[in-house]
Amino acid sequence: MAKLKLEELNRVSVEEFKEQEKLPLVVVLDEVRSMHNVGSIFRTSDGFAVEAIYLCGITGQPPHREIEKTALGATQSVDWKYYPKTLEAIKELKANGYQIIAIEQASESIQLHEYRPKAGEKYALIFGNEVNGVNEEVMQHIDACIEIPQFGTKHSFNVVVSAGIVLWDFFAKLNLK
């Protein structure tokens, strides 16, 4: 077995990425404070071909060198919008037929492995602040809440790790037969 060379990976160009079919999903970042986390989520969103990222509140916006450090150019491929308030983003997404889902530990949350996204539906996944999680006001406007099961001593995953886990899960459930 040999590792593939970059030219063997057959990656699409930014232009081809913009035209290709996307996972019917928008990532919403609710007050994510770390620029490195924002950049990493851009990179992960590119990898799973999500429709867009909505940056809300204090969440940093491109162009910014700390975002680019981890995004590695994904800010050019993944569409994004900025909203001063997360509720503004949610209102627009609901009006456009998206199911609003918080990724959070909450009463009545659904364990990720038990959640079944449906083909033909559109989803907006809200990832919250590194310390406080998804804003309590935002939680009052969601359609569902997904929780990632954890079995160790820590009470949460880093927001980037959470995004990677959940995006892979949605990608696998919606695209792999």
N, C-alpha and C. Protein backbone atom coordinates (compact mmCIF):
# COMPACT_ATOMS: atom_id res chain seq x y z
N MET A 1 0.86 -1.17 0.00
CA MET A 1 0.00 0.00 0.00
C MET A 1 0.90 1.23 0.00
N ALA A 2 0.50 2.21 -0.79
CA ALA A 2 1.25 3.46 -0.86
C ALA A 2 0.28 4.63 -0.74
N LYS A 3 0.73 5.67 -0.05
CA LYS A 3 -0.09 6.88 0.04
C LYS A 3 -0.25 7.48 -1.36
N LEU A 4 -1.41 8.08 -1.60
CA LEU A 4 -1.65 8.75 -2.86
C LEU A 4 -0.95 10.10 -2.90
N LYS A 5 -0.46 10.46 -4.07
CA LYS A 5 0.12 11.78 -4.28
C LYS A 5 -1.02 12.76 -4.51
N LEU A 6 -0.76 14.04 -4.27
CA LEU A 6 -1.80 15.07 -4.43
C LEU A 6 -2.48 14.99 -5.79
N GLU A 7 -1.71 14.81 -6.85
CA GLU A 7 -2.30 14.77 -8.19
C GLU A 7 -3.14 13.52 -8.43
N GLU A 8 -3.02 12.51 -7.55
CA GLU A 8 -3.82 11.29 -7.67
C GLU A 8 -5.15 11.38 -6.93
N LEU A 9 -5.35 12.44 -6.17
CA LEU A 9 -6.57 12.57 -5.37
C LEU A 9 -7.79 12.99 -6.19
N ASN A 10 -7.55 13.54 -7.38
CA ASN A 10 -8.64 13.94 -8.27
C ASN A 10 -9.64 14.90 -7.61
N ARG A 11 -9.13 15.90 -6.92
CA ARG A 11 -9.97 16.89 -6.27
C ARG A 11 -10.55 17.85 -7.31
N VAL A 12 -11.74 18.35 -7.03
CA VAL A 12 -12.38 19.30 -7.94
C VAL A 12 -11.80 20.69 -7.70
N SER A 13 -11.94 21.55 -8.70
CA SER A 13 -11.52 22.94 -8.55
C SER A 13 -12.60 23.69 -7.76
N VAL A 14 -12.29 24.90 -7.33
CA VAL A 14 -13.28 25.72 -6.63
C VAL A 14 -14.49 25.93 -7.53
N GLU A 15 -14.27 26.19 -8.80
CA GLU A 15 -15.37 26.41 -9.75
C GLU A 15 -16.24 25.15 -9.86
N GLU A 16 -15.61 23.98 -9.96
CA GLU A 16 -16.36 22.73 -10.04
C GLU A 16 -17.12 22.47 -8.74
N PHE A 17 -16.49 22.79 -7.61
CA PHE A 17 -17.14 22.63 -6.31
C PHE A 17 -18.41 23.48 -6.23
N LYS A 18 -18.32 24.71 -6.71
CA LYS A 18 -19.48 25.62 -6.66
C LYS A 18 -20.67 25.06 -7.45
N GLU A 19 -20.38 24.29 -8.50
CA GLU A 19 -21.43 23.76 -9.38
C GLU A 19 -21.94 22.38 -8.97
N GLN A 20 -21.18 21.67 -8.16
CA GLN A 20 -21.57 20.29 -7.85
C GLN A 20 -22.74 20.24 -6.87
N GLU A 21 -23.39 19.10 -6.81
CA GLU A 21 -24.48 18.88 -5.87
C GLU A 21 -23.93 18.96 -4.44
N LYS A 22 -24.70 19.57 -3.56
CA LYS A 22 -24.27 19.75 -2.18
C LYS A 22 -25.12 18.90 -1.23
N LEU A 23 -24.55 18.63 -0.08
CA LEU A 23 -25.30 18.04 1.01
C LEU A 23 -26.36 19.08 1.41
N PRO A 24 -27.63 18.71 1.54
CA PRO A 24 -28.68 19.70 1.82
C PRO A 24 -28.63 20.20 3.26
N LEU A 25 -27.56 20.92 3.54
CA LEU A 25 -27.28 21.26 4.92
C LEU A 25 -26.54 22.59 5.01
N VAL A 26 -26.97 23.43 5.96
CA VAL A 26 -26.28 24.68 6.27
C VAL A 26 -25.74 24.55 7.69
N VAL A 27 -24.48 24.89 7.87
CA VAL A 27 -23.87 24.91 9.20
C VAL A 27 -24.06 26.33 9.75
N VAL A 28 -24.61 26.43 10.96
CA VAL A 28 -24.80 27.72 11.61
C VAL A 28 -23.87 27.77 12.82
N LEU A 29 -22.98 28.76 12.84
CA LEU A 29 -22.07 28.93 13.97
C LEU A 29 -22.60 30.06 14.85
N ASP A 30 -23.04 29.69 16.03
CA ASP A 30 -23.66 30.60 17.00
C ASP A 30 -22.61 31.07 18.00
N GLU A 31 -22.04 32.25 17.74
CA GLU A 31 -21.11 32.88 18.68
C GLU A 31 -19.84 32.04 18.92
N VAL A 32 -19.31 31.43 17.87
CA VAL A 32 -18.06 30.67 17.99
C VAL A 32 -16.91 31.67 18.04
N ARG A 33 -16.13 31.63 19.11
CA ARG A 33 -15.15 32.70 19.34
C ARG A 33 -13.78 32.47 18.70
N SER A 34 -13.37 31.23 18.50
CA SER A 34 -12.03 30.94 18.00
C SER A 34 -11.99 30.98 16.48
N MET A 35 -11.13 31.82 15.94
CA MET A 35 -10.95 31.90 14.49
C MET A 35 -10.44 30.57 13.93
N HIS A 36 -9.60 29.88 14.71
CA HIS A 36 -9.10 28.58 14.25
C HIS A 36 -10.23 27.56 14.14
N ASN A 37 -11.16 27.60 15.08
CA ASN A 37 -12.33 26.72 15.00
C ASN A 37 -13.17 27.05 13.78
N VAL A 38 -13.37 28.32 13.52
CA VAL A 38 -14.14 28.74 12.34
C VAL A 38 -13.47 28.21 11.07
N GLY A 39 -12.17 28.40 10.96
CA GLY A 39 -11.45 27.93 9.78
C GLY A 39 -11.52 26.42 9.62
N SER A 40 -11.40 25.70 10.71
CA SER A 40 -11.47 24.24 10.65
C SER A 40 -12.86 23.77 10.23
N ILE A 41 -13.89 24.48 10.66
CA ILE A 41 -15.25 24.11 10.25
C ILE A 41 -15.46 24.42 8.77
N PHE A 42 -14.86 25.48 8.26
CA PHE A 42 -14.90 25.73 6.82
C PHE A 42 -14.28 24.55 6.08
N ARG A 43 -13.12 24.11 6.54
CA ARG A 43 -12.42 23.01 5.87
C ARG A 43 -13.23 21.72 5.91
N THR A 44 -13.82 21.41 7.05
CA THR A 44 -14.66 20.23 7.19
C THR A 44 -15.91 20.34 6.32
N SER A 45 -16.50 21.53 6.26
CA SER A 45 -17.69 21.75 5.44
C SER A 45 -17.38 21.58 3.96
N ASP A 46 -16.20 22.00 3.54
CA ASP A 46 -15.76 21.76 2.16
C ASP A 46 -15.65 20.26 1.91
N GLY A 47 -15.05 19.54 2.85
CA GLY A 47 -14.85 18.10 2.69
C GLY A 47 -16.15 17.33 2.51
N PHE A 48 -17.23 17.78 3.13
CA PHE A 48 -18.51 17.11 3.01
C PHE A 48 -19.47 17.85 2.08
N ALA A 49 -18.98 18.86 1.38
CA ALA A 49 -19.75 19.62 0.38
C ALA A 49 -21.08 20.12 0.93
N VAL A 50 -21.03 20.85 2.06
CA VAL A 50 -22.26 21.44 2.59
C VAL A 50 -22.63 22.67 1.75
N GLU A 51 -23.88 23.04 1.80
CA GLU A 51 -24.37 24.18 1.02
C GLU A 51 -23.72 25.49 1.43
N ALA A 52 -23.66 25.74 2.75
CA ALA A 52 -23.17 27.04 3.21
C ALA A 52 -22.90 27.00 4.70
N ILE A 53 -22.20 28.03 5.15
CA ILE A 53 -21.99 28.27 6.58
C ILE A 53 -22.56 29.65 6.89
N TYR A 54 -23.34 29.73 7.96
CA TYR A 54 -23.84 31.01 8.43
C TYR A 54 -23.08 31.37 9.71
N LEU A 55 -22.40 32.48 9.67
CA LEU A 55 -21.58 32.96 10.78
C LEU A 55 -22.39 33.99 11.55
N CYS A 56 -22.56 33.77 12.86
CA CYS A 56 -23.48 34.61 13.62
C CYS A 56 -22.82 35.23 14.86
N GLY A 57 -23.22 36.48 15.14
CA GLY A 57 -22.75 37.16 16.34
C GLY A 57 -21.26 37.42 16.31
N ILE A 58 -20.55 37.00 17.36
CA ILE A 58 -19.11 37.27 17.47
C ILE A 58 -18.26 36.36 16.59
N THR A 59 -18.88 35.40 15.92
CA THR A 59 -18.14 34.47 15.07
C THR A 59 -17.36 35.26 14.02
N GLY A 60 -16.07 34.96 13.91
CA GLY A 60 -15.21 35.66 12.95
C GLY A 60 -15.60 35.37 11.52
N GLN A 61 -15.22 36.31 10.65
CA GLN A 61 -15.55 36.21 9.23
C GLN A 61 -14.29 36.31 8.37
N PRO A 62 -14.28 35.59 7.26
CA PRO A 62 -13.19 35.77 6.30
C PRO A 62 -13.30 37.16 5.67
N PRO A 63 -12.24 37.71 5.17
CA PRO A 63 -10.89 37.17 5.24
C PRO A 63 -10.25 37.49 6.58
N HIS A 64 -9.61 36.52 7.15
CA HIS A 64 -8.87 36.71 8.41
C HIS A 64 -7.76 35.66 8.43
N ARG A 65 -6.55 36.08 8.72
CA ARG A 65 -5.41 35.15 8.63
C ARG A 65 -5.55 33.95 9.55
N GLU A 66 -6.15 34.12 10.73
CA GLU A 66 -6.31 32.97 11.64
C GLU A 66 -7.35 31.98 11.12
N ILE A 67 -8.37 32.47 10.44
CA ILE A 67 -9.35 31.57 9.82
C ILE A 67 -8.67 30.83 8.67
N GLU A 68 -7.96 31.56 7.84
CA GLU A 68 -7.31 30.96 6.67
C GLU A 68 -6.25 29.93 7.05
N LYS A 69 -5.63 30.12 8.20
CA LYS A 69 -4.59 29.20 8.66
C LYS A 69 -5.11 27.77 8.75
N THR A 70 -6.35 27.60 9.18
CA THR A 70 -6.92 26.26 9.30
C THR A 70 -7.88 25.92 8.16
N ALA A 71 -8.44 26.93 7.51
CA ALA A 71 -9.38 26.68 6.41
C ALA A 71 -8.67 26.20 5.15
N LEU A 72 -7.42 26.60 4.98
CA LEU A 72 -6.62 26.21 3.81
C LEU A 72 -7.36 26.47 2.49
N GLY A 73 -8.00 27.62 2.38
CA GLY A 73 -8.67 28.00 1.14
C GLY A 73 -10.14 27.65 1.06
N ALA A 74 -10.67 26.94 2.05
CA ALA A 74 -12.08 26.53 2.01
C ALA A 74 -13.03 27.72 2.11
N THR A 75 -12.55 28.89 2.53
CA THR A 75 -13.41 30.07 2.56
C THR A 75 -13.73 30.53 1.14
N GLN A 76 -12.96 30.05 0.18
CA GLN A 76 -13.23 30.39 -1.23
C GLN A 76 -14.24 29.43 -1.85
N SER A 77 -14.28 28.20 -1.36
CA SER A 77 -15.17 27.20 -1.96
C SER A 77 -16.55 27.15 -1.29
N VAL A 78 -16.59 27.26 0.02
CA VAL A 78 -17.86 27.14 0.76
C VAL A 78 -18.52 28.51 0.84
N ASP A 79 -19.76 28.59 0.39
CA ASP A 79 -20.52 29.83 0.50
C ASP A 79 -20.78 30.15 1.97
N TRP A 80 -20.79 31.43 2.31
CA TRP A 80 -21.05 31.83 3.69
C TRP A 80 -21.76 33.17 3.72
N LYS A 81 -22.45 33.39 4.84
CA LYS A 81 -23.12 34.66 5.11
C LYS A 81 -22.88 35.01 6.56
N TYR A 82 -22.96 36.30 6.86
CA TYR A 82 -22.84 36.75 8.24
C TYR A 82 -24.17 37.33 8.71
N TYR A 83 -24.54 37.03 9.95
CA TYR A 83 -25.73 37.57 10.59
C TYR A 83 -25.34 38.11 11.96
N PRO A 84 -25.71 39.35 12.28
CA PRO A 84 -25.41 39.88 13.61
C PRO A 84 -26.06 39.06 14.73
N LYS A 85 -27.23 38.50 14.44
CA LYS A 85 -27.97 37.70 15.42
C LYS A 85 -28.30 36.33 14.82
N THR A 86 -28.08 35.29 15.59
CA THR A 86 -28.37 33.93 15.12
C THR A 86 -29.84 33.76 14.78
N LEU A 87 -30.72 34.42 15.54
CA LEU A 87 -32.15 34.29 15.27
C LEU A 87 -32.53 34.82 13.89
N GLU A 88 -31.78 35.79 13.36
CA GLU A 88 -32.03 36.27 12.00
C GLU A 88 -31.75 35.16 10.99
N ALA A 89 -30.66 34.43 11.21
CA ALA A 89 -30.31 33.32 10.32
C ALA A 89 -31.38 32.23 10.39
N ILE A 90 -31.82 31.91 11.61
CA ILE A 90 -32.83 30.87 11.79
C ILE A 90 -34.13 31.25 11.10
N LYS A 91 -34.53 32.51 11.24
CA LYS A 91 -35.77 32.97 10.60
C LYS A 91 -35.69 32.78 9.09
N GLU A 92 -34.56 33.15 8.47
CA GLU A 92 -34.38 32.98 7.03
C GLU A 92 -34.38 31.50 6.64
N LEU A 93 -33.69 30.68 7.41
CA LEU A 93 -33.62 29.26 7.11
C LEU A 93 -34.99 28.60 7.22
N LYS A 94 -35.75 28.93 8.26
CA LYS A 94 -37.10 28.37 8.41
C LYS A 94 -37.99 28.78 7.23
N ALA A 95 -37.88 30.05 6.83
CA ALA A 95 -38.68 30.54 5.69
C ALA A 95 -38.33 29.80 4.40
N ASN A 96 -37.12 29.26 4.34
CA ASN A 96 -36.68 28.52 3.15
C ASN A 96 -36.80 27.01 3.32
N GLY A 97 -37.53 26.57 4.34
CA GLY A 97 -37.87 25.16 4.48
C GLY A 97 -36.84 24.28 5.16
N TYR A 98 -35.90 24.86 5.89
CA TYR A 98 -34.90 24.06 6.59
C TYR A 98 -35.41 23.61 7.96
N GLN A 99 -35.06 22.40 8.34
CA GLN A 99 -35.27 21.90 9.69
C GLN A 99 -34.12 22.46 10.53
N ILE A 100 -34.43 23.10 11.64
CA ILE A 100 -33.42 23.73 12.49
C ILE A 100 -33.07 22.78 13.63
N ILE A 101 -31.81 22.37 13.67
CA ILE A 101 -31.37 21.38 14.65
C ILE A 101 -30.16 21.90 15.40
N ALA A 102 -30.28 21.96 16.72
CA ALA A 102 -29.14 22.34 17.56
C ALA A 102 -28.34 21.08 17.88
N ILE A 103 -27.03 21.24 17.94
CA ILE A 103 -26.16 20.18 18.42
C ILE A 103 -25.79 20.58 19.84
N GLU A 104 -26.43 19.93 20.79
CA GLU A 104 -26.33 20.40 22.18
C GLU A 104 -26.76 19.28 23.13
N GLN A 105 -26.36 19.39 24.37
CA GLN A 105 -26.82 18.51 25.43
C GLN A 105 -28.03 19.20 26.06
N ALA A 106 -29.20 18.59 25.90
CA ALA A 106 -30.43 19.24 26.36
C ALA A 106 -31.48 18.20 26.69
N SER A 107 -32.47 18.63 27.47
CA SER A 107 -33.61 17.74 27.72
C SER A 107 -34.27 17.47 26.38
N GLU A 108 -34.73 16.27 26.20
CA GLU A 108 -35.41 15.85 24.97
C GLU A 108 -34.50 15.80 23.75
N SER A 109 -33.18 15.82 23.95
CA SER A 109 -32.29 15.67 22.80
C SER A 109 -32.37 14.24 22.28
N ILE A 110 -32.03 14.09 21.02
CA ILE A 110 -32.01 12.78 20.36
C ILE A 110 -30.54 12.39 20.20
N GLN A 111 -30.20 11.17 20.58
CA GLN A 111 -28.83 10.71 20.40
C GLN A 111 -28.51 10.64 18.90
N LEU A 112 -27.33 11.08 18.53
CA LEU A 112 -26.95 11.17 17.12
C LEU A 112 -27.18 9.86 16.37
N HIS A 113 -26.79 8.76 16.95
CA HIS A 113 -26.93 7.47 16.26
C HIS A 113 -28.40 7.06 16.07
N GLU A 114 -29.30 7.68 16.81
CA GLU A 114 -30.73 7.38 16.68
C GLU A 114 -31.45 8.33 15.72
N TYR A 115 -30.81 9.44 15.37
CA TYR A 115 -31.44 10.43 14.49
C TYR A 115 -31.34 9.98 13.04
N ARG A 116 -32.42 10.08 12.31
CA ARG A 116 -32.46 9.67 10.91
C ARG A 116 -32.89 10.84 10.03
N PRO A 117 -31.93 11.54 9.40
CA PRO A 117 -32.33 12.58 8.45
C PRO A 117 -33.03 11.94 7.26
N LYS A 118 -33.94 12.68 6.66
CA LYS A 118 -34.73 12.15 5.55
C LYS A 118 -34.25 12.74 4.23
N ALA A 119 -34.13 11.90 3.23
CA ALA A 119 -33.78 12.36 1.88
C ALA A 119 -34.85 13.34 1.42
N GLY A 120 -34.43 14.39 0.76
CA GLY A 120 -35.35 15.40 0.26
C GLY A 120 -35.60 16.54 1.22
N GLU A 121 -35.19 16.41 2.47
CA GLU A 121 -35.32 17.48 3.46
C GLU A 121 -34.05 18.32 3.48
N LYS A 122 -34.17 19.55 4.00
CA LYS A 122 -33.02 20.44 4.16
C LYS A 122 -32.82 20.69 5.65
N TYR A 123 -31.55 20.74 6.06
CA TYR A 123 -31.21 20.85 7.47
C TYR A 123 -30.28 22.02 7.73
N ALA A 124 -30.48 22.65 8.89
CA ALA A 124 -29.55 23.66 9.39
C ALA A 124 -29.09 23.16 10.75
N LEU A 125 -27.78 22.94 10.88
CA LEU A 125 -27.21 22.43 12.12
C LEU A 125 -26.53 23.57 12.85
N ILE A 126 -26.95 23.81 14.09
CA ILE A 126 -26.41 24.92 14.88
C ILE A 126 -25.36 24.39 15.85
N PHE A 127 -24.16 24.93 15.73
CA PHE A 127 -23.06 24.61 16.65
C PHE A 127 -22.79 25.86 17.47
N GLY A 128 -22.65 25.70 18.78
CA GLY A 128 -22.56 26.84 19.66
C GLY A 128 -21.17 27.21 20.12
N ASN A 129 -21.17 28.23 20.95
CA ASN A 129 -19.97 28.80 21.56
C ASN A 129 -19.18 27.73 22.32
N GLU A 130 -17.86 27.86 22.30
CA GLU A 130 -16.97 26.88 22.91
C GLU A 130 -17.19 26.70 24.41
N VAL A 131 -17.65 27.72 25.10
CA VAL A 131 -17.87 27.62 26.55
C VAL A 131 -19.34 27.44 26.88
N ASN A 132 -20.21 28.23 26.27
CA ASN A 132 -21.62 28.26 26.64
C ASN A 132 -22.54 27.44 25.74
N GLY A 133 -22.03 26.91 24.66
CA GLY A 133 -22.87 26.12 23.76
C GLY A 133 -23.83 27.00 22.97
N VAL A 134 -24.91 26.39 22.49
CA VAL A 134 -25.92 27.11 21.72
C VAL A 134 -26.67 28.04 22.67
N ASN A 135 -26.84 29.27 22.25
CA ASN A 135 -27.52 30.30 23.04
C ASN A 135 -28.91 29.81 23.46
N GLU A 136 -29.26 30.05 24.71
CA GLU A 136 -30.56 29.62 25.25
C GLU A 136 -31.73 30.21 24.45
N GLU A 137 -31.62 31.45 24.03
CA GLU A 137 -32.66 32.08 23.21
C GLU A 137 -32.84 31.33 21.89
N VAL A 138 -31.74 30.90 21.29
CA VAL A 138 -31.78 30.14 20.04
C VAL A 138 -32.47 28.79 20.26
N MET A 139 -32.21 28.17 21.41
CA MET A 139 -32.80 26.86 21.70
C MET A 139 -34.34 26.90 21.69
N GLN A 140 -34.92 28.06 21.91
CA GLN A 140 -36.38 28.19 21.91
C GLN A 140 -36.97 28.16 20.51
N HIS A 141 -36.13 28.17 19.46
CA HIS A 141 -36.61 28.25 18.08
C HIS A 141 -36.17 27.07 17.22
N ILE A 142 -35.70 26.01 17.84
CA ILE A 142 -35.23 24.86 17.07
C ILE A 142 -36.36 23.86 16.85
N ASP A 143 -36.17 23.00 15.85
CA ASP A 143 -37.13 21.93 15.58
C ASP A 143 -36.73 20.64 16.28
N ALA A 144 -35.43 20.48 16.52
CA ALA A 144 -34.92 19.27 17.18
C ALA A 144 -33.54 19.58 17.76
N CYS A 145 -33.11 18.67 18.63
CA CYS A 145 -31.78 18.80 19.23
C CYS A 145 -31.11 17.43 19.17
N ILE A 146 -29.89 17.42 18.67
CA ILE A 146 -29.11 16.19 18.59
C ILE A 146 -27.97 16.28 19.58
N GLU A 147 -27.74 15.17 20.27
CA GLU A 147 -26.65 15.08 21.23
C GLU A 147 -25.70 13.96 20.80
N ILE A 148 -24.41 14.23 20.85
CA ILE A 148 -23.40 13.22 20.54
C ILE A 148 -23.13 12.44 21.81
N PRO A 149 -23.33 11.12 21.81
CA PRO A 149 -23.05 10.35 23.02
C PRO A 149 -21.57 10.44 23.40
N GLN A 150 -21.32 10.49 24.69
CA GLN A 150 -19.95 10.54 25.19
C GLN A 150 -19.81 9.59 26.37
N PHE A 151 -18.63 9.01 26.52
CA PHE A 151 -18.46 7.95 27.51
C PHE A 151 -17.26 8.16 28.43
N GLY A 152 -16.61 9.31 28.33
CA GLY A 152 -15.45 9.58 29.16
C GLY A 152 -15.76 10.52 30.30
N THR A 153 -14.72 11.16 30.80
CA THR A 153 -14.87 12.03 31.96
C THR A 153 -15.19 13.48 31.59
N LYS A 154 -14.96 13.87 30.37
CA LYS A 154 -15.22 15.25 29.94
C LYS A 154 -16.68 15.39 29.54
N HIS A 155 -17.21 16.59 29.65
CA HIS A 155 -18.63 16.79 29.39
C HIS A 155 -18.95 17.29 27.98
N SER A 156 -17.92 17.53 27.16
CA SER A 156 -18.21 17.99 25.80
C SER A 156 -17.03 17.75 24.88
N PHE A 157 -17.30 17.79 23.57
CA PHE A 157 -16.27 17.76 22.54
C PHE A 157 -15.98 19.19 22.10
N ASN A 158 -14.81 19.41 21.54
CA ASN A 158 -14.51 20.68 20.89
C ASN A 158 -15.52 20.88 19.76
N VAL A 159 -15.88 22.11 19.47
CA VAL A 159 -16.89 22.41 18.44
C VAL A 159 -16.47 21.87 17.07
N VAL A 160 -15.20 21.87 16.77
CA VAL A 160 -14.73 21.35 15.48
C VAL A 160 -14.91 19.83 15.43
N VAL A 161 -14.58 19.16 16.52
CA VAL A 161 -14.77 17.71 16.58
C VAL A 161 -16.25 17.38 16.45
N SER A 162 -17.09 18.13 17.15
CA SER A 162 -18.54 17.92 17.05
C SER A 162 -19.02 18.10 15.62
N ALA A 163 -18.56 19.15 14.97
CA ALA A 163 -18.97 19.39 13.57
C ALA A 163 -18.53 18.23 12.68
N GLY A 164 -17.31 17.77 12.85
CA GLY A 164 -16.83 16.66 12.04
C GLY A 164 -17.65 15.40 12.23
N ILE A 165 -17.95 15.08 13.48
CA ILE A 165 -18.74 13.88 13.78
C ILE A 165 -20.13 13.99 13.16
N VAL A 166 -20.80 15.11 13.37
CA VAL A 166 -22.19 15.26 12.92
C VAL A 166 -22.27 15.38 11.39
N LEU A 167 -21.36 16.14 10.80
CA LEU A 167 -21.39 16.25 9.33
C LEU A 167 -21.13 14.90 8.68
N TRP A 168 -20.18 14.14 9.20
CA TRP A 168 -19.95 12.79 8.65
C TRP A 168 -21.20 11.93 8.80
N ASP A 169 -21.85 11.98 9.96
CA ASP A 169 -23.04 11.19 10.21
C ASP A 169 -24.15 11.54 9.21
N PHE A 170 -24.40 12.82 9.01
CA PHE A 170 -25.42 13.24 8.04
C PHE A 170 -25.02 12.82 6.63
N PHE A 171 -23.78 13.03 6.27
CA PHE A 171 -23.30 12.63 4.94
C PHE A 171 -23.50 11.15 4.72
N ALA A 172 -23.10 10.33 5.69
CA ALA A 172 -23.21 8.89 5.57
C ALA A 172 -24.67 8.45 5.48
N LYS A 173 -25.52 9.02 6.32
CA LYS A 173 -26.92 8.60 6.33
C LYS A 173 -27.68 9.06 5.09
N LEU A 174 -27.30 10.21 4.52
CA LEU A 174 -28.00 10.73 3.35
C LEU A 174 -27.40 10.26 2.02
N ASN A 175 -26.13 9.86 2.01
CA ASN A 175 -25.46 9.54 0.76
C ASN A 175 -25.01 8.11 0.58
N LEU A 176 -24.76 7.40 1.64
CA LEU A 176 -24.26 6.04 1.52
C LEU A 176 -25.41 5.06 1.66
N LYS A 177 -25.43 4.12 0.79
CA LYS A 177 -26.51 3.12 0.81
C LYS A 177 -26.02 1.84 1.45
